[in-house]
Amino acid sequence: MGFIERLPFILFFTMLSLSGSTFAKEAKKPLTETFKEVDTKIQAALDAIPSGNAEEVAGLIKAANENAGELSANYKFEFERDKVMIKLKKARDAAKKSDFSGAEQELKAAKEGFEALKKFQ
C-alpha cells in the first residue's frame, strides 16, 4: 500500500488525535453581563441624541444591536429578542435620517423590551 492509499487513514487518525477544545466555540458571557452591556450602549445612544450627530447615534445603536445578538437562552427568548432587535434597527434607520425623535422613541421601546426579556432567561 503506497502513501497515497494511506493518506485517508493518516488524516483520519490525525483528526481523532486533536482535542475537542480545538473545535469548541469560545465561552459565552453570562446573560446578565450582556444585558448590562446592551443597556449601557442604548443609554449612550439616547445620551448622544441631543448632539444631533446622526452618524454617531447610528453607530452607537449598531453597537447595541451587535451586543444584543449575543443574547441567547432558548427559542422563546430568541423570538422575543429578535422582536426587540427590530426596534433597534428602526431606531438606527431613524437616526440615519436625522429623525432623532423617532430614534429616541424606538430606543426607549427597545430598552423596555430588553428589560422585559430578563423574565425569559
C-alpha atoms as a PDB file:
ATOM      1  CA  MET A   1       0.000   0.000   0.000  1.00  0.00           C
ATOM      2  CA  GLY A   2       1.543   3.331  -1.093  1.00  0.00           C
ATOM      3  CA  PHE A   3       1.491   6.697   0.585  1.00  0.00           C
ATOM      4  CA  ILE A   4      -1.480   7.943  -1.440  1.00  0.00           C
ATOM      5  CA  GLU A   5      -3.583   4.959  -0.373  1.00  0.00           C
ATOM      6  CA  ARG A   6      -2.634   5.522   3.290  1.00  0.00           C
ATOM      7  CA  LEU A   7      -3.333   9.265   3.225  1.00  0.00           C
ATOM      8  CA  PRO A   8      -7.045   8.996   4.177  1.00  0.00           C
ATOM      9  CA  PHE A   9      -6.160   6.813   7.178  1.00  0.00           C
ATOM     10  CA  ILE A  10      -3.409   9.179   8.264  1.00  0.00           C
ATOM     11  CA  LEU A  11      -5.762  12.154   8.060  1.00  0.00           C
ATOM     12  CA  PHE A  12      -8.494  10.290   9.913  1.00  0.00           C
ATOM     13  CA  PHE A  13      -6.271   9.382  12.847  1.00  0.00           C
ATOM     14  CA  THR A  14      -4.715  12.837  12.909  1.00  0.00           C
ATOM     15  CA  MET A  15      -8.171  14.372  13.270  1.00  0.00           C
ATOM     16  CA  LEU A  16      -9.013  11.946  16.068  1.00  0.00           C
ATOM     17  CA  SER A  17      -5.901  12.952  17.969  1.00  0.00           C
ATOM     18  CA  LEU A  18      -6.876  16.637  18.077  1.00  0.00           C
ATOM     19  CA  SER A  19      -8.585  17.661  21.267  1.00  0.00           C
ATOM     20  CA  GLY A  20     -12.222  18.652  21.296  1.00  0.00           C
ATOM     21  CA  SER A  21     -11.332  22.042  22.704  1.00  0.00           C
ATOM     22  CA  THR A  22      -9.612  22.854  19.434  1.00  0.00           C
ATOM     23  CA  PHE A  23     -13.014  22.947  17.767  1.00  0.00           C
ATOM     24  CA  ALA A  24     -15.009  24.360  20.676  1.00  0.00           C
ATOM     25  CA  LYS A  25     -16.570  27.794  20.481  1.00  0.00           C
ATOM     26  CA  GLU A  26     -15.271  30.439  22.778  1.00  0.00           C
ATOM     27  CA  ALA A  27     -17.136  30.716  26.061  1.00  0.00           C
ATOM     28  CA  LYS A  28     -20.158  32.977  26.068  1.00  0.00           C
ATOM     29  CA  LYS A  29     -20.566  35.779  28.553  1.00  0.00           C
ATOM     30  CA  PRO A  30     -23.290  35.429  31.166  1.00  0.00           C
ATOM     31  CA  LEU A  31     -26.648  36.847  30.072  1.00  0.00           C
ATOM     32  CA  THR A  32     -26.699  39.388  32.894  1.00  0.00           C
ATOM     33  CA  GLU A  33     -23.392  40.860  31.714  1.00  0.00           C
ATOM     34  CA  THR A  34     -24.612  41.072  28.115  1.00  0.00           C
ATOM     35  CA  PHE A  35     -27.888  42.688  29.248  1.00  0.00           C
ATOM     36  CA  LYS A  36     -25.849  45.349  31.092  1.00  0.00           C
ATOM     37  CA  GLU A  37     -23.696  45.999  28.025  1.00  0.00           C
ATOM     38  CA  VAL A  38     -26.742  46.350  25.766  1.00  0.00           C
ATOM     39  CA  ASP A  39     -28.452  48.664  28.255  1.00  0.00           C
ATOM     40  CA  THR A  40     -25.315  50.795  28.564  1.00  0.00           C
ATOM     41  CA  LYS A  41     -24.999  51.120  24.795  1.00  0.00           C
ATOM     42  CA  ILE A  42     -28.676  52.008  24.361  1.00  0.00           C
ATOM     43  CA  GLN A  43     -28.308  54.660  27.068  1.00  0.00           C
ATOM     44  CA  ALA A  44     -25.198  56.013  25.326  1.00  0.00           C
ATOM     45  CA  ALA A  45     -27.207  56.317  22.105  1.00  0.00           C
ATOM     46  CA  LEU A  46     -30.015  58.096  23.958  1.00  0.00           C
ATOM     47  CA  ASP A  47     -27.485  60.451  25.532  1.00  0.00           C
ATOM     48  CA  ALA A  48     -25.953  61.203  22.121  1.00  0.00           C
ATOM     49  CA  ILE A  49     -29.249  62.225  20.510  1.00  0.00           C
ATOM     50  CA  PRO A  50     -29.084  65.878  21.682  1.00  0.00           C
ATOM     51  CA  SER A  51     -25.754  66.268  19.844  1.00  0.00           C
ATOM     52  CA  GLY A  52     -27.613  65.888  16.545  1.00  0.00           C
ATOM     53  CA  ASN A  53     -24.841  63.749  15.048  1.00  0.00           C
ATOM     54  CA  ALA A  54     -26.744  61.133  13.030  1.00  0.00           C
ATOM     55  CA  GLU A  55     -23.633  59.084  12.268  1.00  0.00           C
ATOM     56  CA  GLU A  56     -22.604  58.841  15.929  1.00  0.00           C
ATOM     57  CA  VAL A  57     -26.090  57.881  17.122  1.00  0.00           C
ATOM     58  CA  ALA A  58     -26.457  55.270  14.369  1.00  0.00           C
ATOM     59  CA  GLY A  59     -23.049  53.820  15.274  1.00  0.00           C
ATOM     60  CA  LEU A  60     -23.978  53.530  18.944  1.00  0.00           C
ATOM     61  CA  ILE A  61     -27.257  51.835  18.053  1.00  0.00           C
ATOM     62  CA  LYS A  62     -25.403  49.415  15.787  1.00  0.00           C
ATOM     63  CA  ALA A  63     -23.060  48.511  18.656  1.00  0.00           C
ATOM     64  CA  ALA A  64     -26.045  47.847  20.930  1.00  0.00           C
ATOM     65  CA  ASN A  65     -27.640  45.678  18.249  1.00  0.00           C
ATOM     66  CA  GLU A  66     -24.460  43.645  17.812  1.00  0.00           C
ATOM     67  CA  ASN A  67     -24.295  43.004  21.556  1.00  0.00           C
ATOM     68  CA  ALA A  68     -27.967  42.069  21.614  1.00  0.00           C
ATOM     69  CA  GLY A  69     -27.274  39.400  19.003  1.00  0.00           C
ATOM     70  CA  GLU A  70     -25.105  37.616  21.587  1.00  0.00           C
ATOM     71  CA  LEU A  71     -28.096  37.096  23.876  1.00  0.00           C
ATOM     72  CA  SER A  72     -29.262  33.515  23.637  1.00  0.00           C
ATOM     73  CA  ALA A  73     -31.166  31.241  26.002  1.00  0.00           C
ATOM     74  CA  ASN A  74     -33.966  29.323  24.297  1.00  0.00           C
ATOM     75  CA  TYR A  75     -36.350  29.503  21.347  1.00  0.00           C
ATOM     76  CA  LYS A  76     -38.931  31.727  23.053  1.00  0.00           C
ATOM     77  CA  PHE A  77     -36.216  34.051  24.359  1.00  0.00           C
ATOM     78  CA  GLU A  78     -34.624  34.390  20.923  1.00  0.00           C
ATOM     79  CA  PHE A  79     -38.009  35.010  19.298  1.00  0.00           C
ATOM     80  CA  GLU A  80     -38.719  37.843  21.733  1.00  0.00           C
ATOM     81  CA  ARG A  81     -35.116  39.140  21.432  1.00  0.00           C
ATOM     82  CA  ASP A  82     -35.488  39.378  17.666  1.00  0.00           C
ATOM     83  CA  LYS A  83     -38.652  41.462  18.068  1.00  0.00           C
ATOM     84  CA  VAL A  84     -36.779  43.906  20.296  1.00  0.00           C
ATOM     85  CA  MET A  85     -33.805  43.982  17.919  1.00  0.00           C
ATOM     86  CA  ILE A  86     -36.204  45.167  15.194  1.00  0.00           C
ATOM     87  CA  LYS A  87     -36.843  48.232  17.371  1.00  0.00           C
ATOM     88  CA  LEU A  88     -33.091  48.906  17.423  1.00  0.00           C
ATOM     89  CA  LYS A  89     -32.998  48.598  13.630  1.00  0.00           C
ATOM     90  CA  LYS A  90     -35.871  51.083  13.319  1.00  0.00           C
ATOM     91  CA  ALA A  91     -34.061  53.433  15.713  1.00  0.00           C
ATOM     92  CA  ARG A  92     -30.887  53.202  13.641  1.00  0.00           C
ATOM     93  CA  ASP A  93     -32.775  53.852  10.415  1.00  0.00           C
ATOM     94  CA  ALA A  94     -34.456  56.886  12.015  1.00  0.00           C
ATOM     95  CA  ALA A  95     -31.112  58.180  13.291  1.00  0.00           C
ATOM     96  CA  LYS A  96     -29.563  57.846   9.821  1.00  0.00           C
ATOM     97  CA  LYS A  97     -32.394  60.045   8.504  1.00  0.00           C
ATOM     98  CA  SER A  98     -31.787  62.539  11.358  1.00  0.00           C
ATOM     99  CA  ASP A  99     -35.218  61.704  12.793  1.00  0.00           C
ATOM    100  CA  PHE A 100     -33.967  61.896  16.354  1.00  0.00           C
ATOM    101  CA  SER A 101     -37.409  61.932  17.998  1.00  0.00           C
ATOM    102  CA  GLY A 102     -38.281  58.704  16.181  1.00  0.00           C
ATOM    103  CA  ALA A 103     -34.908  57.202  17.106  1.00  0.00           C
ATOM    104  CA  GLU A 104     -35.403  58.189  20.742  1.00  0.00           C
ATOM    105  CA  GLN A 105     -38.877  56.638  20.822  1.00  0.00           C
ATOM    106  CA  GLU A 106     -37.634  53.346  19.325  1.00  0.00           C
ATOM    107  CA  LEU A 107     -34.592  53.271  21.646  1.00  0.00           C
ATOM    108  CA  LYS A 108     -36.794  53.709  24.706  1.00  0.00           C
ATOM    109  CA  ALA A 109     -39.084  50.926  23.458  1.00  0.00           C
ATOM    110  CA  ALA A 110     -36.054  48.693  22.876  1.00  0.00           C
ATOM    111  CA  LYS A 111     -34.711  49.449  26.346  1.00  0.00           C
ATOM    112  CA  GLU A 112     -38.054  48.418  27.864  1.00  0.00           C
ATOM    113  CA  GLY A 113     -38.133  45.348  25.626  1.00  0.00           C
ATOM    114  CA  PHE A 114     -34.716  44.184  26.805  1.00  0.00           C
ATOM    115  CA  GLU A 115     -35.779  44.718  30.402  1.00  0.00           C
ATOM    116  CA  ALA A 116     -38.829  42.508  29.769  1.00  0.00           C
ATOM    117  CA  LEU A 117     -36.614  39.840  28.158  1.00  0.00           C
ATOM    118  CA  LYS A 118     -34.992  39.136  31.512  1.00  0.00           C
ATOM    119  CA  LYS A 119     -38.051  37.118  32.549  1.00  0.00           C
ATOM    120  CA  PHE A 120     -37.346  34.609  29.734  1.00  0.00           C
ATOM    121  CA  GLN A 121     -33.854  33.691  30.985  1.00  0.00           C
END
